[in-house]
Amino acid sequence: MRRTLAHLAPRSVKRSIRNVLGIDLVRQDLAAVRSNLRWSHSKPLEEMLHEHLPLKWLSHPGILREDPQLTYSIDEFFAFREILYITGWCLHERCSLHSIFVVFTSRIDRFPVRWLAGIKFSFSLPISIPVDQTDGNIIVGFEYSDGRRFVIEHPFRQSWLRDPYHRMFANFTQKVREIGEGSILEIGSRARSGNIYNEFVPPGMKYIGMDILDGPNVNLIGDAHYSVATHLSQHFQ
């Protein structure tokens, strides 16, 4: 075996080992997946194959209006020169995305996609508005791979709490209110943009704003980068 390998060029040895381990095949599969993800993510949906469906397509027992495992945002929703522009993103924790659809007065425009669960999908939808569409009552929806359909009846009126950041911050402030008393320290509190968060602290709690530089909303000057536990212990007991 040693003599056989000795007569092989180093490149041939590497190729043989990689073929045995299946490394080349794995790399090819990953490259194909990345290529598909980039294509799906960057290609405008109006350039993809889509279909016009009758309204009865929406008559389905699996219609959802609330889904705690779905996070989405409609960032733009406006019409200009008979074109409806919709941009946003969605992410489902467990279900793959099968299509995005838009419900007009007389028809449904359905855009098939293939997107894996747990991965954020961004979309851009410039769509021709049907001539018989006389109002803004337009529905946007997501179709899951299991056949269920989630509908957004008023995509132009979203609650700010649907945004993941605002949902997280609302949950944080709720936890602070539940504690009720004590002290809360904000590191990096200098209000460079004018945003101050001490107003969210309940009356029974003491707010301390810390920053490396003095400025608005700064109660304590210090650098938390130097061993947070050691450095903060110099200021708090």
Protein backbone atom coordinates (compact mmCIF):
# COMPACT_ATOMS: atom_id res chain seq x y z
CA MET A 1 0.00 0.00 0.00
CA ARG A 2 2.86 2.36 0.83
CA ARG A 3 4.62 1.58 -2.43
CA THR A 4 1.43 2.26 -4.40
CA LEU A 5 0.91 5.62 -2.72
CA ALA A 6 4.53 6.53 -3.23
CA HIS A 7 4.10 6.35 -6.99
CA LEU A 8 1.04 8.60 -6.94
CA ALA A 9 1.40 12.34 -7.34
CA PRO A 10 0.34 14.36 -4.25
CA ARG A 11 -2.59 15.81 -6.16
CA SER A 12 -3.81 12.33 -7.10
CA VAL A 13 -3.56 11.21 -3.48
CA LYS A 14 -5.65 14.17 -2.32
CA ARG A 15 -8.22 13.51 -5.05
CA SER A 16 -8.44 9.82 -4.11
CA ILE A 17 -8.90 10.55 -0.43
CA ARG A 18 -11.57 13.17 -1.14
CA ASN A 19 -13.45 10.78 -3.40
CA VAL A 20 -13.41 8.09 -0.72
CA LEU A 21 -14.72 10.48 1.92
CA GLY A 22 -17.27 11.99 -0.45
CA ILE A 23 -15.97 15.53 0.16
CA ASP A 24 -16.24 16.59 -3.47
CA LEU A 25 -19.86 15.44 -3.65
CA VAL A 26 -20.73 17.32 -0.48
CA ARG A 27 -19.08 20.47 -1.80
CA GLN A 28 -21.00 20.17 -5.06
CA ASP A 29 -24.28 19.79 -3.17
CA LEU A 30 -23.52 22.81 -0.96
CA ALA A 31 -22.55 24.88 -3.99
CA ALA A 32 -25.85 23.98 -5.66
CA VAL A 33 -27.82 24.90 -2.53
CA ARG A 34 -26.03 28.25 -2.22
CA SER A 35 -26.63 28.97 -5.89
CA ASN A 36 -30.35 28.24 -5.54
CA LEU A 37 -30.61 30.36 -2.40
CA ARG A 38 -28.92 33.33 -4.06
CA TRP A 39 -31.11 32.95 -7.13
CA SER A 40 -34.32 32.77 -5.15
CA HIS A 41 -33.31 35.60 -2.85
CA SER A 42 -32.20 38.06 -5.52
CA LYS A 43 -34.53 37.37 -8.42
CA PRO A 44 -37.55 39.72 -8.48
CA LEU A 45 -40.74 37.70 -8.18
CA GLU A 46 -42.39 39.42 -11.13
CA GLU A 47 -39.77 37.76 -13.35
CA MET A 48 -40.67 34.31 -12.04
CA LEU A 49 -43.45 32.19 -13.45
CA HIS A 50 -46.72 33.12 -11.82
CA GLU A 51 -50.34 32.29 -12.37
CA HIS A 52 -53.73 34.00 -12.18
CA LEU A 53 -56.18 32.01 -10.09
CA PRO A 54 -59.91 32.41 -9.40
CA LEU A 55 -61.02 33.62 -5.99
CA LYS A 56 -62.31 30.17 -5.08
CA TRP A 57 -58.67 29.06 -4.72
CA LEU A 58 -58.69 30.84 -1.38
CA SER A 59 -61.67 28.77 -0.18
CA HIS A 60 -59.56 26.36 1.79
CA PRO A 61 -60.03 24.95 5.31
CA GLY A 62 -56.44 25.73 6.27
CA ILE A 63 -56.71 29.53 6.28
CA LEU A 64 -54.71 31.18 9.08
CA ARG A 65 -54.80 34.74 10.34
CA GLU A 66 -52.53 34.17 13.31
CA ASP A 67 -49.43 31.99 13.44
CA PRO A 68 -46.97 32.38 16.34
CA GLN A 69 -44.26 30.54 14.38
CA LEU A 70 -44.39 33.04 11.50
CA THR A 71 -42.52 36.33 11.55
CA TYR A 72 -43.03 38.74 8.68
CA SER A 73 -42.94 42.38 7.68
CA ILE A 74 -44.56 44.29 4.82
CA ASP A 75 -42.04 47.09 4.38
CA GLU A 76 -43.66 48.75 1.34
CA PHE A 77 -47.21 48.60 0.02
CA PHE A 78 -48.17 51.29 -2.49
CA ALA A 79 -49.52 51.75 -6.02
CA PHE A 80 -48.05 53.91 -8.77
CA ARG A 81 -49.19 54.07 -12.41
CA GLU A 82 -51.28 50.89 -12.21
CA ILE A 83 -48.45 48.94 -10.58
CA LEU A 84 -48.68 47.62 -7.03
CA TYR A 85 -45.35 47.51 -5.21
CA ILE A 86 -44.98 45.13 -2.29
CA THR A 87 -41.69 44.46 -0.52
CA GLY A 88 -41.02 42.64 2.71
CA TRP A 89 -39.81 39.44 4.22
CA CYS A 90 -41.05 36.41 6.11
CA LEU A 91 -39.62 33.57 8.15
CA HIS A 92 -41.38 30.47 9.44
CA GLU A 93 -39.74 28.37 12.12
CA ARG A 94 -41.03 24.98 10.91
CA CYS A 95 -42.81 25.19 7.55
CA SER A 96 -41.24 25.76 4.17
CA LEU A 97 -42.66 28.52 1.98
CA HIS A 98 -44.53 27.26 -1.09
CA SER A 99 -45.83 30.48 -2.64
CA ILE A 100 -46.72 34.13 -2.11
CA PHE A 101 -50.10 35.30 -3.35
CA VAL A 102 -51.95 38.59 -3.73
CA VAL A 103 -55.75 38.68 -3.72
CA PHE A 104 -57.41 41.36 -5.86
CA THR A 105 -61.13 41.98 -6.38
CA SER A 106 -61.49 39.49 -9.25
CA ARG A 107 -58.41 37.26 -9.19
CA ILE A 108 -55.45 35.94 -7.26
CA ASP A 109 -51.86 36.33 -8.43
CA ARG A 110 -49.81 33.43 -7.11
CA PHE A 111 -46.00 33.32 -7.20
CA PRO A 112 -44.57 29.85 -6.52
CA VAL A 113 -41.34 29.81 -4.52
CA ARG A 114 -39.31 27.17 -2.72
CA TRP A 115 -37.90 28.37 0.56
CA LEU A 116 -36.74 26.35 3.55
CA ALA A 117 -38.08 26.71 7.07
CA GLY A 118 -36.01 28.77 9.46
CA ILE A 119 -34.47 30.95 6.72
CA LYS A 120 -35.50 34.55 6.17
CA PHE A 121 -37.03 35.13 2.73
CA SER A 122 -37.07 38.62 1.22
CA PHE A 123 -39.43 39.44 -1.62
CA SER A 124 -40.21 42.27 -4.03
CA LEU A 125 -43.51 42.25 -5.93
CA PRO A 126 -44.23 44.83 -8.63
CA ILE A 127 -47.60 43.58 -9.94
CA SER A 128 -49.94 44.95 -12.59
CA ILE A 129 -53.19 45.98 -10.92
CA PRO A 130 -56.32 44.54 -12.62
CA VAL A 131 -58.44 47.15 -14.40
CA ASP A 132 -61.49 46.24 -12.30
CA GLN A 133 -59.69 46.92 -8.99
CA THR A 134 -61.43 50.02 -7.65
CA ASP A 135 -60.19 50.16 -4.05
CA GLY A 136 -57.31 49.23 -1.78
CA ASN A 137 -58.89 46.08 -0.36
CA ILE A 138 -56.02 43.80 -1.32
CA ILE A 139 -54.87 40.75 0.62
CA VAL A 140 -51.34 39.37 0.77
CA GLY A 141 -50.71 35.80 1.82
CA PHE A 142 -48.13 33.05 2.25
CA GLU A 143 -48.77 29.43 1.29
CA TYR A 144 -46.92 26.80 3.32
CA SER A 145 -45.61 23.52 1.98
CA ASP A 146 -48.27 21.64 3.98
CA GLY A 147 -51.08 23.46 2.10
CA ARG A 148 -52.07 25.93 4.81
CA ARG A 149 -52.38 29.58 3.84
CA PHE A 150 -51.67 32.60 5.99
CA VAL A 151 -53.49 35.79 4.96
CA ILE A 152 -52.77 39.43 5.79
CA GLU A 153 -56.08 41.21 5.26
CA HIS A 154 -54.70 44.74 5.70
CA PRO A 155 -51.04 44.64 4.64
CA PHE A 156 -50.84 48.45 4.60
CA ARG A 157 -51.79 48.65 8.29
CA GLN A 158 -49.34 46.63 10.33
CA SER A 159 -48.89 46.66 14.05
CA TRP A 160 -45.38 47.79 14.96
CA LEU A 161 -45.26 44.89 17.42
CA ARG A 162 -44.92 42.47 14.49
CA ASP A 163 -41.38 43.69 13.94
CA PRO A 164 -39.00 41.28 15.77
CA TYR A 165 -37.04 44.12 17.42
CA HIS A 166 -40.16 45.81 18.80
CA ARG A 167 -41.57 42.48 19.95
CA MET A 168 -38.35 41.76 21.83
CA PHE A 169 -38.26 45.24 23.36
CA ALA A 170 -41.92 45.02 24.38
CA ASN A 171 -41.21 41.69 26.06
CA PHE A 172 -38.20 43.21 27.86
CA THR A 173 -40.17 46.18 29.20
CA GLN A 174 -42.91 43.82 30.37
CA LYS A 175 -40.34 41.76 32.32
CA VAL A 176 -38.96 44.96 33.87
CA ARG A 177 -42.45 46.01 34.99
CA GLU A 178 -42.99 42.58 36.53
CA ILE A 179 -39.83 43.00 38.64
CA GLY A 180 -41.18 46.32 39.86
CA GLU A 181 -38.29 47.55 42.01
CA GLY A 182 -34.49 47.72 42.04
CA SER A 183 -32.00 49.33 39.65
CA ILE A 184 -31.54 49.00 35.92
CA LEU A 185 -28.27 49.86 34.16
CA GLU A 186 -28.14 50.83 30.49
CA ILE A 187 -24.66 50.54 28.97
CA GLY A 188 -24.22 52.90 26.04
CA SER A 189 -26.96 55.30 27.14
CA ARG A 190 -25.69 58.51 25.54
CA ALA A 191 -28.59 59.90 23.48
CA ARG A 192 -26.67 60.65 20.28
CA SER A 193 -29.83 60.39 18.18
CA GLY A 194 -32.16 61.80 20.80
CA ASN A 195 -33.62 58.41 21.79
CA ILE A 196 -33.95 57.97 25.54
CA TYR A 197 -35.24 54.75 27.07
CA ASN A 198 -35.43 55.67 30.76
CA GLU A 199 -39.08 56.59 30.23
CA PHE A 200 -39.83 52.86 29.93
CA VAL A 201 -38.47 52.20 33.42
CA PRO A 202 -41.30 51.94 35.99
CA PRO A 203 -41.42 54.53 38.82
CA GLY A 204 -40.29 52.02 41.44
CA MET A 205 -36.96 51.34 39.72
CA LYS A 206 -33.78 53.43 39.62
CA TYR A 207 -32.35 54.10 36.16
CA ILE A 208 -28.59 54.50 35.61
CA GLY A 209 -27.27 55.45 32.19
CA MET A 210 -23.61 54.58 31.55
CA ASP A 211 -21.47 55.59 28.59
CA ILE A 212 -17.81 55.99 27.74
CA LEU A 213 -18.38 59.69 27.02
CA ASP A 214 -20.38 62.32 28.82
CA GLY A 215 -23.55 63.59 27.20
CA PRO A 216 -27.33 63.58 27.34
CA ASN A 217 -28.80 60.76 29.42
CA VAL A 218 -25.41 59.78 30.94
CA ASN A 219 -25.28 59.35 34.71
CA LEU A 220 -22.00 57.45 34.88
CA ILE A 221 -18.90 57.65 32.65
CA GLY A 222 -17.00 54.38 32.19
CA ASP A 223 -15.72 51.84 29.68
CA ALA A 224 -17.47 48.49 29.95
CA HIS A 225 -15.06 46.86 27.47
CA TYR A 226 -12.42 46.42 30.16
CA SER A 227 -13.56 43.21 31.86
CA VAL A 228 -17.19 44.08 32.50
CA ALA A 229 -17.42 42.32 35.85
CA THR A 230 -14.21 43.86 37.23
CA HIS A 231 -14.74 47.35 35.83
CA LEU A 232 -18.36 47.66 36.90
CA SER A 233 -17.56 46.47 40.39
CA GLN A 234 -15.54 49.69 40.81
CA HIS A 235 -18.76 51.68 40.43
CA PHE A 236 -21.36 49.36 41.96
CA GLN A 237 -21.31 47.34 45.15
